[in-house]
Each structure stands twice: as structure tokens, then as C-alpha cells.
N, C-alpha and C. Protein backbone atom coordinates (compact mmCIF):
# COMPACT_ATOMS: atom_id res chain seq x y z
N MET A 1 27.31 -26.33 34.79
CA MET A 1 27.03 -27.68 35.24
C MET A 1 28.01 -28.68 34.62
N ALA A 2 28.35 -28.46 33.35
CA ALA A 2 29.29 -29.37 32.69
C ALA A 2 30.66 -29.29 33.35
N GLY A 3 31.03 -28.11 33.83
CA GLY A 3 32.32 -27.95 34.50
C GLY A 3 32.40 -28.78 35.78
N LEU A 4 31.29 -28.87 36.50
CA LEU A 4 31.27 -29.68 37.72
C LEU A 4 31.39 -31.16 37.40
N CYS A 5 30.79 -31.59 36.30
CA CYS A 5 30.86 -32.99 35.90
C CYS A 5 32.31 -33.37 35.55
N VAL A 6 32.98 -32.50 34.81
CA VAL A 6 34.36 -32.76 34.43
C VAL A 6 35.26 -32.77 35.66
N THR A 7 35.01 -31.86 36.58
CA THR A 7 35.79 -31.81 37.81
C THR A 7 35.58 -33.08 38.64
N PHE A 8 34.33 -33.54 38.71
CA PHE A 8 34.04 -34.77 39.44
C PHE A 8 34.74 -35.96 38.80
N CYS A 9 34.71 -36.05 37.47
CA CYS A 9 35.38 -37.15 36.77
C CYS A 9 36.89 -37.11 37.02
N ALA A 10 37.48 -35.92 36.99
CA ALA A 10 38.91 -35.79 37.23
C ALA A 10 39.27 -36.19 38.66
N LEU A 11 38.46 -35.78 39.61
CA LEU A 11 38.72 -36.11 41.01
C LEU A 11 38.60 -37.61 41.24
N MET A 12 37.55 -38.22 40.72
CA MET A 12 37.37 -39.67 40.91
C MET A 12 38.50 -40.45 40.23
N SER A 13 38.92 -40.01 39.07
CA SER A 13 40.01 -40.69 38.36
C SER A 13 41.31 -40.54 39.12
N ALA A 14 41.55 -39.34 39.65
CA ALA A 14 42.79 -39.10 40.40
C ALA A 14 42.85 -39.96 41.67
N LEU A 15 41.72 -40.25 42.25
CA LEU A 15 41.70 -41.12 43.43
C LEU A 15 41.77 -42.59 43.05
N ALA A 16 41.18 -42.96 41.93
CA ALA A 16 41.11 -44.37 41.53
C ALA A 16 42.45 -44.91 41.05
N VAL A 17 43.23 -44.10 40.35
CA VAL A 17 44.49 -44.60 39.77
C VAL A 17 45.44 -45.15 40.83
N PRO A 18 45.80 -44.38 41.87
CA PRO A 18 46.73 -44.95 42.86
C PRO A 18 46.12 -46.11 43.65
N LEU A 19 44.81 -46.05 43.92
CA LEU A 19 44.18 -47.13 44.64
C LEU A 19 44.22 -48.43 43.85
N LEU A 20 43.90 -48.37 42.56
CA LEU A 20 43.93 -49.56 41.73
C LEU A 20 45.35 -50.07 41.51
N LEU A 21 46.31 -49.17 41.41
CA LEU A 21 47.71 -49.60 41.30
C LEU A 21 48.14 -50.35 42.57
N PHE A 22 47.71 -49.85 43.72
CA PHE A 22 48.03 -50.52 44.99
C PHE A 22 47.38 -51.90 45.05
N PHE A 23 46.10 -51.98 44.67
CA PHE A 23 45.43 -53.28 44.66
C PHE A 23 46.11 -54.22 43.67
N GLY A 24 46.49 -53.72 42.51
CA GLY A 24 47.17 -54.55 41.53
C GLY A 24 48.49 -55.07 42.06
N TYR A 25 49.22 -54.23 42.77
CA TYR A 25 50.49 -54.65 43.38
C TYR A 25 50.26 -55.75 44.40
N LEU A 26 49.27 -55.56 45.27
CA LEU A 26 48.98 -56.58 46.27
C LEU A 26 48.58 -57.91 45.63
N LEU A 27 47.74 -57.84 44.62
CA LEU A 27 47.27 -59.06 43.98
C LEU A 27 48.38 -59.75 43.18
N SER A 28 49.22 -58.97 42.52
CA SER A 28 50.30 -59.56 41.74
C SER A 28 51.32 -60.28 42.61
N ASN A 29 51.47 -59.82 43.85
CA ASN A 29 52.40 -60.46 44.78
C ASN A 29 51.73 -61.47 45.70
N SER A 30 50.49 -61.82 45.38
CA SER A 30 49.73 -62.81 46.17
C SER A 30 49.68 -62.47 47.65
N SER A 31 49.41 -61.22 47.94
CA SER A 31 49.35 -60.77 49.33
C SER A 31 48.13 -61.37 50.03
N PRO A 32 48.29 -61.75 51.30
CA PRO A 32 47.14 -62.26 52.05
C PRO A 32 46.18 -61.15 52.49
N MET A 33 46.51 -59.88 52.19
CA MET A 33 45.64 -58.77 52.59
C MET A 33 44.34 -58.73 51.78
N ILE A 34 44.33 -59.36 50.61
CA ILE A 34 43.13 -59.42 49.79
C ILE A 34 42.70 -60.88 49.71
N GLU A 35 41.50 -61.13 50.17
CA GLU A 35 41.03 -62.51 50.27
C GLU A 35 40.23 -62.93 49.05
N ILE A 36 40.91 -63.46 48.07
CA ILE A 36 40.29 -64.14 46.95
C ILE A 36 41.11 -65.41 46.74
N PRO A 37 40.57 -66.40 46.05
CA PRO A 37 41.34 -67.64 45.85
C PRO A 37 42.69 -67.37 45.17
N GLU A 38 43.72 -68.05 45.64
CA GLU A 38 45.10 -67.85 45.16
C GLU A 38 45.24 -67.93 43.64
N PRO A 39 44.61 -68.89 42.96
CA PRO A 39 44.80 -68.96 41.51
C PRO A 39 44.23 -67.76 40.75
N MET A 40 43.31 -67.03 41.37
CA MET A 40 42.68 -65.89 40.71
C MET A 40 43.44 -64.58 40.90
N LYS A 41 44.37 -64.53 41.83
CA LYS A 41 45.04 -63.28 42.17
C LYS A 41 45.85 -62.68 41.02
N PRO A 42 46.64 -63.44 40.25
CA PRO A 42 47.39 -62.80 39.16
C PRO A 42 46.50 -62.15 38.10
N ASP A 43 45.41 -62.82 37.74
CA ASP A 43 44.49 -62.23 36.76
C ASP A 43 43.79 -61.00 37.32
N ALA A 44 43.43 -61.05 38.58
CA ALA A 44 42.79 -59.90 39.22
C ALA A 44 43.76 -58.71 39.27
N GLY A 45 45.04 -59.00 39.51
CA GLY A 45 46.05 -57.93 39.51
C GLY A 45 46.17 -57.28 38.15
N LYS A 46 46.17 -58.10 37.09
CA LYS A 46 46.22 -57.55 35.74
C LYS A 46 44.99 -56.70 35.45
N GLY A 47 43.84 -57.14 35.93
CA GLY A 47 42.61 -56.36 35.75
C GLY A 47 42.69 -55.02 36.46
N CYS A 48 43.28 -55.00 37.64
CA CYS A 48 43.44 -53.73 38.36
C CYS A 48 44.38 -52.79 37.62
N TYR A 49 45.46 -53.34 37.07
CA TYR A 49 46.39 -52.50 36.30
C TYR A 49 45.71 -51.93 35.05
N MET A 50 44.91 -52.74 34.37
CA MET A 50 44.21 -52.25 33.18
C MET A 50 43.19 -51.18 33.55
N ALA A 51 42.46 -51.39 34.65
CA ALA A 51 41.48 -50.39 35.09
C ALA A 51 42.19 -49.09 35.48
N ALA A 52 43.35 -49.19 36.11
CA ALA A 52 44.11 -47.98 36.47
C ALA A 52 44.53 -47.23 35.21
N GLY A 53 44.92 -47.96 34.17
CA GLY A 53 45.27 -47.32 32.91
C GLY A 53 44.10 -46.60 32.28
N LEU A 54 42.93 -47.22 32.32
CA LEU A 54 41.74 -46.57 31.76
C LEU A 54 41.35 -45.33 32.57
N TYR A 55 41.47 -45.42 33.88
CA TYR A 55 41.20 -44.24 34.70
C TYR A 55 42.23 -43.14 34.44
N ALA A 56 43.47 -43.50 34.15
CA ALA A 56 44.49 -42.49 33.83
C ALA A 56 44.13 -41.78 32.53
N VAL A 57 43.64 -42.52 31.54
CA VAL A 57 43.20 -41.90 30.29
C VAL A 57 42.03 -40.95 30.56
N THR A 58 41.10 -41.39 31.40
CA THR A 58 39.97 -40.54 31.76
C THR A 58 40.44 -39.28 32.48
N LEU A 59 41.43 -39.42 33.35
CA LEU A 59 41.97 -38.25 34.06
C LEU A 59 42.59 -37.26 33.07
N CYS A 60 43.35 -37.76 32.12
CA CYS A 60 43.97 -36.87 31.12
C CYS A 60 42.91 -36.15 30.30
N PHE A 61 41.89 -36.88 29.88
CA PHE A 61 40.81 -36.28 29.09
C PHE A 61 40.07 -35.22 29.90
N ALA A 62 39.73 -35.54 31.15
CA ALA A 62 39.00 -34.60 32.00
C ALA A 62 39.85 -33.37 32.30
N TYR A 63 41.13 -33.56 32.55
CA TYR A 63 42.01 -32.42 32.83
C TYR A 63 42.12 -31.51 31.62
N ARG A 64 42.22 -32.12 30.43
CA ARG A 64 42.29 -31.32 29.21
C ARG A 64 41.01 -30.52 29.01
N LYS A 65 39.86 -31.13 29.30
CA LYS A 65 38.58 -30.43 29.17
C LYS A 65 38.46 -29.30 30.19
N MET A 66 39.03 -29.50 31.38
CA MET A 66 38.97 -28.45 32.40
C MET A 66 39.79 -27.23 31.99
N GLN A 67 40.84 -27.43 31.20
CA GLN A 67 41.72 -26.33 30.82
C GLN A 67 41.19 -25.54 29.62
N GLU A 68 40.20 -26.08 28.90
CA GLU A 68 39.67 -25.40 27.73
C GLU A 68 38.86 -24.18 28.13
N GLU A 69 38.82 -23.22 27.22
CA GLU A 69 37.98 -22.04 27.42
C GLU A 69 36.52 -22.42 27.18
N PRO A 70 35.61 -21.99 28.04
CA PRO A 70 34.20 -22.30 27.79
C PRO A 70 33.69 -21.52 26.58
N GLU A 71 32.91 -22.21 25.77
CA GLU A 71 32.33 -21.55 24.59
C GLU A 71 30.90 -21.17 24.88
N SER A 72 30.49 -20.06 24.30
CA SER A 72 29.12 -19.60 24.46
C SER A 72 28.21 -20.42 23.55
N ALA A 73 27.06 -20.80 24.07
CA ALA A 73 26.11 -21.57 23.27
C ALA A 73 25.41 -20.71 22.24
N ARG A 74 25.43 -19.42 22.42
CA ARG A 74 24.73 -18.49 21.52
C ARG A 74 25.68 -17.76 20.57
N GLU A 75 26.87 -18.23 20.45
CA GLU A 75 27.85 -17.56 19.60
C GLU A 75 27.48 -17.76 18.13
N VAL A 76 27.35 -16.65 17.40
CA VAL A 76 26.99 -16.70 15.99
C VAL A 76 28.07 -15.99 15.20
N LYS A 77 28.56 -16.66 14.16
CA LYS A 77 29.57 -16.04 13.32
C LYS A 77 28.89 -15.50 12.06
N LEU A 78 29.12 -14.23 11.80
CA LEU A 78 28.51 -13.58 10.65
C LEU A 78 29.55 -13.38 9.57
N ASN A 79 29.12 -13.56 8.32
CA ASN A 79 30.00 -13.29 7.18
C ASN A 79 29.95 -11.81 6.87
N GLN A 80 31.07 -11.17 6.89
CA GLN A 80 31.14 -9.76 6.57
C GLN A 80 31.80 -9.61 5.22
N GLU A 81 31.07 -9.05 4.29
CA GLU A 81 31.61 -8.88 2.94
C GLU A 81 31.76 -7.44 2.58
């Protein structure tokens, strides 16, 4: 079940990063394709870039977790003397 959660997080992050970068680009250039007041567009663009960065960090973390070997919950290490 944990593997599905990590896969879902990686998939959502992989989709969110390019979308937020595109929105940030549109807002930074004051594109009329996004309807918010003109004075708010530069700050909204910066917010989209920051959110894309956070999603990229989440993607890296989730991908790293997907590559790890699963550990057994019942693994017991015994001292042999």
C-alpha cells in the first residue's frame, strides 16, 4: 500500500511541475490567458514558480523512495556470539 502512495505522489508531482511552470510563465509575462488583476500577476507567477520547485523536491523524494528495497516489518537481527 505504501508503494502505491509513493507512486501516486510521484505521478502527481511529475504532472504538477510542468503545469505550474507554464502558469508561472504566463503570469510573469502578463498574458491575457489568465484572468486575474494585472497588478497581481507578477506575484502569482512567483508563487507558481515556488510551488513548482516544491513539487520538484517532492518528485525527487518520491522517486528515491520508489527505488529503495522494501524492508520486511518482521525482520529481526540476532546477535551471534
